[in-house]
Structure formats: C-alpha cells, structure tokens
N, C-alpha and C. Protein backbone atom coordinates (compact mmCIF):
# COMPACT_ATOMS: atom_id res chain seq x y z
N UNK A 1 14.43 0.15 -17.09
CA UNK A 1 13.67 -0.58 -16.16
C UNK A 1 12.21 -0.75 -16.66
N UNK A 2 11.78 0.23 -17.49
CA UNK A 2 10.44 0.13 -18.04
C UNK A 2 10.33 -1.10 -18.90
N UNK A 3 11.32 -1.42 -19.69
CA UNK A 3 11.24 -2.65 -20.52
C UNK A 3 11.11 -3.88 -19.64
N UNK A 4 11.86 -3.94 -18.55
CA UNK A 4 11.74 -5.09 -17.66
C UNK A 4 10.28 -5.20 -17.11
N UNK A 5 9.74 -4.06 -16.75
CA UNK A 5 8.36 -4.01 -16.26
C UNK A 5 7.35 -4.51 -17.30
N UNK A 6 7.58 -4.11 -18.57
CA UNK A 6 6.69 -4.55 -19.61
C UNK A 6 6.80 -6.04 -19.89
N UNK A 7 7.98 -6.57 -19.83
CA UNK A 7 8.17 -8.03 -19.98
C UNK A 7 7.51 -8.75 -18.86
N UNK A 8 7.67 -8.28 -17.63
CA UNK A 8 7.01 -8.92 -16.50
C UNK A 8 5.53 -8.78 -16.60
N UNK A 9 5.01 -7.64 -17.08
CA UNK A 9 3.60 -7.49 -17.28
C UNK A 9 3.07 -8.46 -18.36
N UNK A 10 3.88 -8.68 -19.39
CA UNK A 10 3.53 -9.65 -20.41
C UNK A 10 3.39 -11.05 -19.86
N UNK A 11 4.38 -11.40 -19.03
CA UNK A 11 4.36 -12.75 -18.40
C UNK A 11 3.15 -12.89 -17.46
N UNK A 12 2.84 -11.83 -16.76
CA UNK A 12 1.65 -11.88 -15.86
C UNK A 12 0.39 -12.02 -16.71
N UNK A 13 0.31 -11.32 -17.80
CA UNK A 13 -0.86 -11.43 -18.70
C UNK A 13 -0.97 -12.85 -19.24
N UNK A 14 0.14 -13.43 -19.70
CA UNK A 14 0.10 -14.81 -20.18
C UNK A 14 -0.36 -15.81 -19.08
N UNK A 15 0.06 -15.59 -17.90
CA UNK A 15 -0.40 -16.44 -16.77
C UNK A 15 -1.90 -16.27 -16.61
N UNK A 16 -2.41 -15.08 -16.71
CA UNK A 16 -3.83 -14.87 -16.51
C UNK A 16 -4.66 -15.35 -17.72
N UNK A 17 -4.07 -15.42 -18.88
CA UNK A 17 -4.72 -16.06 -19.98
C UNK A 17 -4.86 -17.55 -19.70
N UNK A 18 -3.81 -18.18 -19.11
CA UNK A 18 -3.84 -19.52 -18.79
C UNK A 18 -4.88 -19.81 -17.71
N UNK A 19 -4.96 -18.93 -16.73
CA UNK A 19 -5.98 -19.06 -15.68
C UNK A 19 -7.35 -18.98 -16.31
N UNK A 20 -7.55 -18.01 -17.25
CA UNK A 20 -8.80 -17.96 -17.97
C UNK A 20 -9.15 -19.32 -18.62
N UNK A 21 -8.19 -19.86 -19.29
CA UNK A 21 -8.41 -21.19 -19.96
C UNK A 21 -8.87 -22.23 -18.93
N UNK A 22 -8.16 -22.35 -17.80
CA UNK A 22 -8.54 -23.34 -16.80
C UNK A 22 -9.90 -23.07 -16.24
N UNK A 23 -10.21 -21.81 -15.91
CA UNK A 23 -11.46 -21.51 -15.22
C UNK A 23 -12.67 -21.53 -16.18
N UNK A 24 -12.49 -21.03 -17.38
CA UNK A 24 -13.59 -20.83 -18.29
C UNK A 24 -13.78 -21.97 -19.26
N UNK A 25 -12.73 -22.64 -19.65
CA UNK A 25 -12.81 -23.64 -20.69
C UNK A 25 -12.54 -25.06 -20.20
N UNK A 26 -11.81 -25.19 -19.11
CA UNK A 26 -11.40 -26.57 -18.68
C UNK A 26 -11.70 -26.83 -17.21
N UNK A 27 -12.68 -26.08 -16.63
CA UNK A 27 -12.89 -26.19 -15.20
C UNK A 27 -13.18 -27.58 -14.67
N UNK A 28 -13.91 -28.35 -15.40
CA UNK A 28 -14.36 -29.67 -14.94
C UNK A 28 -13.36 -30.79 -15.32
N UNK A 29 -12.30 -30.48 -16.07
CA UNK A 29 -11.33 -31.50 -16.43
C UNK A 29 -10.52 -31.92 -15.20
N UNK A 30 -10.12 -33.20 -15.17
CA UNK A 30 -9.38 -33.64 -14.00
C UNK A 30 -8.04 -32.88 -13.72
N UNK A 31 -7.38 -32.49 -14.79
CA UNK A 31 -6.10 -31.73 -14.61
C UNK A 31 -6.36 -30.37 -13.96
N UNK A 32 -7.40 -29.69 -14.34
CA UNK A 32 -7.77 -28.42 -13.73
C UNK A 32 -8.24 -28.58 -12.30
N UNK A 33 -9.07 -29.61 -12.09
CA UNK A 33 -9.55 -29.86 -10.71
C UNK A 33 -8.38 -30.14 -9.82
N UNK A 34 -7.34 -30.78 -10.31
CA UNK A 34 -6.18 -31.08 -9.47
C UNK A 34 -5.45 -29.79 -9.08
N UNK A 35 -5.36 -28.85 -10.01
CA UNK A 35 -4.74 -27.56 -9.72
C UNK A 35 -5.52 -26.81 -8.65
N UNK A 36 -6.87 -26.80 -8.72
CA UNK A 36 -7.64 -26.03 -7.81
C UNK A 36 -8.13 -26.84 -6.62
N UNK A 37 -7.87 -28.14 -6.61
CA UNK A 37 -8.21 -28.98 -5.48
C UNK A 37 -9.70 -29.18 -5.30
N UNK A 38 -10.42 -29.34 -6.42
CA UNK A 38 -11.84 -29.54 -6.32
C UNK A 38 -12.23 -30.94 -6.81
N UNK A 39 -13.32 -31.42 -6.29
CA UNK A 39 -13.89 -32.70 -6.75
C UNK A 39 -14.68 -32.48 -7.98
N UNK A 40 -15.05 -33.54 -8.67
CA UNK A 40 -15.89 -33.43 -9.86
C UNK A 40 -17.17 -32.77 -9.50
N UNK A 41 -17.78 -33.13 -8.35
CA UNK A 41 -19.04 -32.50 -7.96
C UNK A 41 -18.92 -31.03 -7.67
N UNK A 42 -17.85 -30.65 -6.99
CA UNK A 42 -17.60 -29.23 -6.70
C UNK A 42 -17.39 -28.44 -7.97
N UNK A 43 -16.65 -29.03 -8.90
CA UNK A 43 -16.38 -28.33 -10.18
C UNK A 43 -17.68 -28.17 -10.94
N UNK A 44 -18.48 -29.15 -10.95
CA UNK A 44 -19.77 -29.04 -11.68
C UNK A 44 -20.69 -27.95 -11.01
N UNK A 45 -20.67 -27.95 -9.72
CA UNK A 45 -21.51 -27.00 -8.97
C UNK A 45 -21.02 -25.56 -9.17
N UNK A 46 -19.71 -25.34 -9.29
CA UNK A 46 -19.17 -23.98 -9.37
C UNK A 46 -18.79 -23.63 -10.80
N UNK A 47 -19.20 -24.40 -11.80
CA UNK A 47 -18.80 -24.15 -13.15
C UNK A 47 -19.17 -22.73 -13.66
N UNK A 48 -20.37 -22.27 -13.37
CA UNK A 48 -20.76 -20.95 -13.80
C UNK A 48 -19.94 -19.87 -13.17
N UNK A 49 -19.63 -20.00 -11.90
CA UNK A 49 -18.86 -18.98 -11.17
C UNK A 49 -17.45 -18.98 -11.76
N UNK A 50 -16.85 -20.15 -11.95
CA UNK A 50 -15.51 -20.21 -12.53
C UNK A 50 -15.45 -19.62 -13.94
N UNK A 51 -16.43 -19.90 -14.70
CA UNK A 51 -16.53 -19.37 -16.09
C UNK A 51 -16.44 -17.88 -16.06
N UNK A 52 -17.26 -17.22 -15.20
CA UNK A 52 -17.24 -15.80 -15.04
C UNK A 52 -15.92 -15.29 -14.52
N UNK A 53 -15.36 -15.91 -13.53
CA UNK A 53 -14.05 -15.55 -12.96
C UNK A 53 -12.96 -15.60 -13.97
N UNK A 54 -13.00 -16.61 -14.82
CA UNK A 54 -12.00 -16.77 -15.86
C UNK A 54 -12.00 -15.57 -16.77
N UNK A 55 -13.15 -15.05 -17.11
CA UNK A 55 -13.20 -13.88 -17.97
C UNK A 55 -12.64 -12.63 -17.30
N UNK A 56 -12.80 -12.51 -16.01
CA UNK A 56 -12.13 -11.42 -15.31
C UNK A 56 -10.61 -11.49 -15.50
N UNK A 57 -10.07 -12.71 -15.40
CA UNK A 57 -8.64 -12.89 -15.62
C UNK A 57 -8.24 -12.54 -17.04
N UNK A 58 -9.08 -12.94 -17.97
CA UNK A 58 -8.77 -12.61 -19.38
C UNK A 58 -8.80 -11.11 -19.63
N UNK A 59 -9.78 -10.47 -19.09
CA UNK A 59 -9.88 -9.02 -19.27
C UNK A 59 -8.68 -8.28 -18.70
N UNK A 60 -8.21 -8.73 -17.52
CA UNK A 60 -6.98 -8.11 -16.93
C UNK A 60 -5.76 -8.35 -17.83
N UNK A 61 -5.69 -9.50 -18.43
CA UNK A 61 -4.60 -9.76 -19.40
C UNK A 61 -4.71 -8.89 -20.63
N UNK A 62 -5.93 -8.72 -21.13
CA UNK A 62 -6.13 -7.87 -22.32
C UNK A 62 -5.76 -6.44 -21.99
N UNK A 63 -6.22 -5.90 -20.88
CA UNK A 63 -5.84 -4.49 -20.53
C UNK A 63 -4.35 -4.35 -20.45
N UNK A 64 -3.68 -5.32 -19.81
CA UNK A 64 -2.24 -5.25 -19.66
C UNK A 64 -1.59 -5.31 -21.05
N UNK A 65 -2.08 -6.22 -21.91
CA UNK A 65 -1.50 -6.35 -23.24
C UNK A 65 -1.66 -5.12 -24.07
N UNK A 66 -2.83 -4.51 -24.03
CA UNK A 66 -3.03 -3.22 -24.73
C UNK A 66 -2.11 -2.15 -24.21
N UNK A 67 -1.94 -2.10 -22.92
CA UNK A 67 -1.02 -1.16 -22.30
C UNK A 67 0.41 -1.38 -22.74
N UNK A 68 0.82 -2.65 -22.81
CA UNK A 68 2.19 -2.95 -23.30
C UNK A 68 2.34 -2.45 -24.72
N UNK A 69 1.37 -2.78 -25.56
CA UNK A 69 1.45 -2.38 -26.97
C UNK A 69 1.50 -0.86 -27.11
N UNK A 70 0.65 -0.16 -26.35
CA UNK A 70 0.64 1.30 -26.47
C UNK A 70 1.93 1.89 -25.91
N UNK A 71 2.49 1.36 -24.89
CA UNK A 71 3.77 1.83 -24.39
C UNK A 71 4.90 1.61 -25.36
N UNK A 72 4.89 0.46 -26.03
CA UNK A 72 5.89 0.18 -27.03
C UNK A 72 5.72 1.09 -28.22
N UNK A 73 4.45 1.62 -28.45
CA UNK A 73 4.21 2.55 -29.54
C UNK A 73 4.38 4.00 -29.12
N UNK A 74 5.08 4.21 -28.01
CA UNK A 74 5.37 5.53 -27.48
C UNK A 74 4.18 6.37 -27.04
N UNK A 75 3.15 5.64 -26.63
CA UNK A 75 1.95 6.35 -26.02
C UNK A 75 2.22 6.37 -24.57
N UNK A 76 3.15 7.26 -24.11
CA UNK A 76 3.77 7.20 -22.78
C UNK A 76 2.80 7.69 -21.66
N UNK A 77 1.60 8.09 -21.98
CA UNK A 77 0.69 8.38 -20.88
C UNK A 77 -0.33 7.24 -20.70
N UNK A 78 -1.01 6.93 -21.73
CA UNK A 78 -2.04 5.90 -21.58
C UNK A 78 -1.52 4.50 -21.50
N UNK A 79 -0.43 4.19 -22.17
CA UNK A 79 0.12 2.83 -22.18
C UNK A 79 0.51 2.33 -20.77
N UNK A 80 1.43 3.08 -20.08
CA UNK A 80 1.74 2.66 -18.75
C UNK A 80 0.60 2.65 -17.76
N UNK A 81 -0.33 3.57 -17.98
CA UNK A 81 -1.53 3.57 -17.09
C UNK A 81 -2.33 2.30 -17.21
N UNK A 82 -2.50 1.81 -18.43
CA UNK A 82 -3.19 0.54 -18.70
C UNK A 82 -2.43 -0.62 -18.11
N UNK A 83 -1.12 -0.63 -18.30
CA UNK A 83 -0.29 -1.68 -17.78
C UNK A 83 -0.46 -1.74 -16.25
N UNK A 84 -0.37 -0.59 -15.60
CA UNK A 84 -0.53 -0.54 -14.13
C UNK A 84 -1.95 -0.92 -13.67
N UNK A 85 -2.94 -0.51 -14.47
CA UNK A 85 -4.32 -0.89 -14.13
C UNK A 85 -4.45 -2.45 -14.19
N UNK A 86 -3.91 -3.05 -15.22
CA UNK A 86 -4.03 -4.50 -15.42
C UNK A 86 -3.21 -5.26 -14.33
N UNK A 87 -1.95 -5.03 -14.24
CA UNK A 87 -1.16 -5.80 -13.28
C UNK A 87 -1.41 -5.40 -11.86
N UNK A 88 -1.80 -4.13 -11.64
CA UNK A 88 -2.17 -3.70 -10.29
C UNK A 88 -3.46 -4.42 -9.83
N UNK A 89 -4.37 -4.65 -10.71
CA UNK A 89 -5.59 -5.40 -10.39
C UNK A 89 -5.28 -6.85 -10.11
N UNK A 90 -4.36 -7.41 -10.88
CA UNK A 90 -3.90 -8.81 -10.64
C UNK A 90 -3.30 -8.91 -9.26
N UNK A 91 -2.45 -7.94 -8.89
CA UNK A 91 -1.83 -7.91 -7.61
C UNK A 91 -2.87 -7.79 -6.51
N UNK A 92 -3.81 -6.82 -6.72
CA UNK A 92 -4.87 -6.64 -5.71
C UNK A 92 -5.72 -7.92 -5.51
N UNK A 93 -5.98 -8.63 -6.59
CA UNK A 93 -6.74 -9.86 -6.46
C UNK A 93 -5.97 -10.94 -5.68
N UNK A 94 -4.65 -10.96 -5.83
CA UNK A 94 -3.82 -11.86 -5.04
C UNK A 94 -3.84 -11.52 -3.56
N UNK A 95 -3.84 -10.28 -3.26
CA UNK A 95 -3.86 -9.81 -1.87
C UNK A 95 -5.25 -10.16 -1.24
N UNK A 96 -6.28 -9.96 -2.03
CA UNK A 96 -7.66 -10.30 -1.51
C UNK A 96 -7.73 -11.82 -1.23
N UNK A 97 -7.13 -12.60 -2.16
CA UNK A 97 -7.18 -14.06 -2.00
C UNK A 97 -6.48 -14.47 -0.72
N UNK A 98 -5.33 -13.99 -0.42
CA UNK A 98 -4.62 -14.36 0.77
C UNK A 98 -5.26 -13.76 2.01
N UNK A 99 -5.83 -12.60 1.90
CA UNK A 99 -6.48 -11.93 3.08
C UNK A 99 -7.76 -12.68 3.43
N UNK A 100 -8.44 -13.17 2.44
CA UNK A 100 -9.71 -13.90 2.71
C UNK A 100 -9.48 -15.33 3.11
N UNK A 101 -8.36 -15.91 2.78
CA UNK A 101 -8.13 -17.31 3.08
C UNK A 101 -6.60 -17.54 3.13
N UNK A 102 -5.99 -17.36 4.30
CA UNK A 102 -4.56 -17.47 4.43
C UNK A 102 -4.00 -18.84 3.94
N UNK A 103 -4.84 -19.84 3.92
CA UNK A 103 -4.33 -21.17 3.44
C UNK A 103 -4.06 -21.13 1.94
N UNK A 104 -4.52 -20.08 1.26
CA UNK A 104 -4.31 -19.89 -0.15
C UNK A 104 -3.10 -19.03 -0.51
N UNK A 105 -2.20 -18.90 0.46
CA UNK A 105 -1.05 -18.03 0.30
C UNK A 105 -0.14 -18.49 -0.85
N UNK A 106 -0.02 -19.81 -1.04
CA UNK A 106 0.77 -20.29 -2.19
C UNK A 106 0.13 -19.87 -3.54
N UNK A 107 -1.18 -20.06 -3.66
CA UNK A 107 -1.84 -19.63 -4.90
C UNK A 107 -1.73 -18.16 -5.08
N UNK A 108 -1.90 -17.37 -4.04
CA UNK A 108 -1.83 -15.94 -4.14
C UNK A 108 -0.43 -15.47 -4.56
N UNK A 109 0.56 -16.20 -4.04
CA UNK A 109 1.92 -15.86 -4.43
C UNK A 109 2.17 -16.13 -5.95
N UNK A 110 1.68 -17.29 -6.42
CA UNK A 110 1.77 -17.62 -7.83
C UNK A 110 1.06 -16.56 -8.68
N UNK A 111 -0.07 -16.18 -8.25
CA UNK A 111 -0.92 -15.20 -8.94
C UNK A 111 -0.35 -13.82 -8.88
N UNK A 112 0.25 -13.39 -7.78
CA UNK A 112 0.57 -12.06 -7.55
C UNK A 112 2.04 -11.58 -7.59
N UNK A 113 2.98 -12.52 -7.56
CA UNK A 113 4.36 -12.15 -7.48
C UNK A 113 4.82 -11.44 -8.77
N UNK A 114 4.55 -11.98 -9.91
CA UNK A 114 5.00 -11.34 -11.14
C UNK A 114 4.31 -10.00 -11.34
N UNK A 115 3.00 -9.93 -11.11
CA UNK A 115 2.36 -8.59 -11.17
C UNK A 115 3.01 -7.57 -10.21
N UNK A 116 3.39 -8.01 -9.02
CA UNK A 116 4.00 -7.09 -8.08
C UNK A 116 5.35 -6.61 -8.64
N UNK A 117 6.12 -7.51 -9.14
CA UNK A 117 7.41 -7.11 -9.74
C UNK A 117 7.22 -6.17 -10.95
N UNK A 118 6.16 -6.47 -11.74
CA UNK A 118 5.86 -5.61 -12.89
C UNK A 118 5.50 -4.20 -12.45
N UNK A 119 4.67 -4.09 -11.38
CA UNK A 119 4.25 -2.79 -10.90
C UNK A 119 5.51 -2.01 -10.45
N UNK A 120 6.37 -2.65 -9.67
CA UNK A 120 7.58 -1.96 -9.17
C UNK A 120 8.46 -1.53 -10.33
N UNK A 121 8.71 -2.44 -11.24
CA UNK A 121 9.57 -2.09 -12.41
C UNK A 121 9.03 -0.99 -13.30
N UNK A 122 7.71 -1.04 -13.55
CA UNK A 122 7.09 0.03 -14.37
C UNK A 122 7.19 1.36 -13.67
N UNK A 123 6.84 1.38 -12.38
CA UNK A 123 6.90 2.67 -11.64
C UNK A 123 8.34 3.21 -11.60
N UNK A 124 9.28 2.35 -11.34
CA UNK A 124 10.70 2.82 -11.38
C UNK A 124 11.05 3.32 -12.77
N UNK A 125 10.60 2.55 -13.75
CA UNK A 125 10.95 2.91 -15.16
C UNK A 125 10.31 4.24 -15.58
N UNK A 126 9.30 4.61 -14.93
CA UNK A 126 8.62 5.90 -15.32
C UNK A 126 9.27 7.15 -14.62
N UNK A 127 10.15 6.86 -13.68
CA UNK A 127 10.83 7.97 -12.95
C UNK A 127 11.80 8.69 -13.78
C-alpha cells in the first residue's frame, strides 16, 4: 500500500507543479484566467499574489518529491514524514479553500482528493 501512496503523492506533486506554472508563470494568460474565472483586470491586479501562491504549491510538490525519493531509497523515517508533510499540507489547503468559500468545493476537490488518498495509502502502508 505504501507504493500506491507514493504514486498518488507523485501525482499530487505533479498537479501542484502545474498549479505553480499557472499561478506563477501564466497567471494573466487567457487559458489560465479561464481556469480560475478571472478577468484580465483581476489577473493583472492579483498577479503578485498569484506568483507567491504558485511558489507555495511548488514547494509542497518539492517536499513531496524529496520524500518519495527518500522513501524509495529506504530512508523509512524521514521519507514518509516528508511525503505526509507535503501531501498533508496540500490536503489542508483544500480544506481551507472549501471552508472559506463553499462555492469553491469543486476546485478544492480537484486540489485535495489525490492528496487525501495519498495520505490514507501512506499511513496504511506504514502499518
């Protein structure tokens, strides 16, 4: 089950790298604005905030990726801890998103479902 959790954590990390790309590198592009439902003016106004937020997503992906690599290298204490820190933070962010704005439940589900499954699988795999 640990392997399943690591694969899911890897998928969650890849999703968060993509979110980083959209928020930090492509925030004002029409395709990204369509995903986030922002106008050109809103995107321009929030560009600095999105840039910063994108890096949060990248750092969560990096922590998860390092944890996956260390777990695969039989670093059975620190590796899973980093995986759980990364995907657990992704899950927590999704919960905060839906708690702060229930109309964002769809986005929170997209952001948080795979990390939730990764957390469950990793925890079961460590038993």
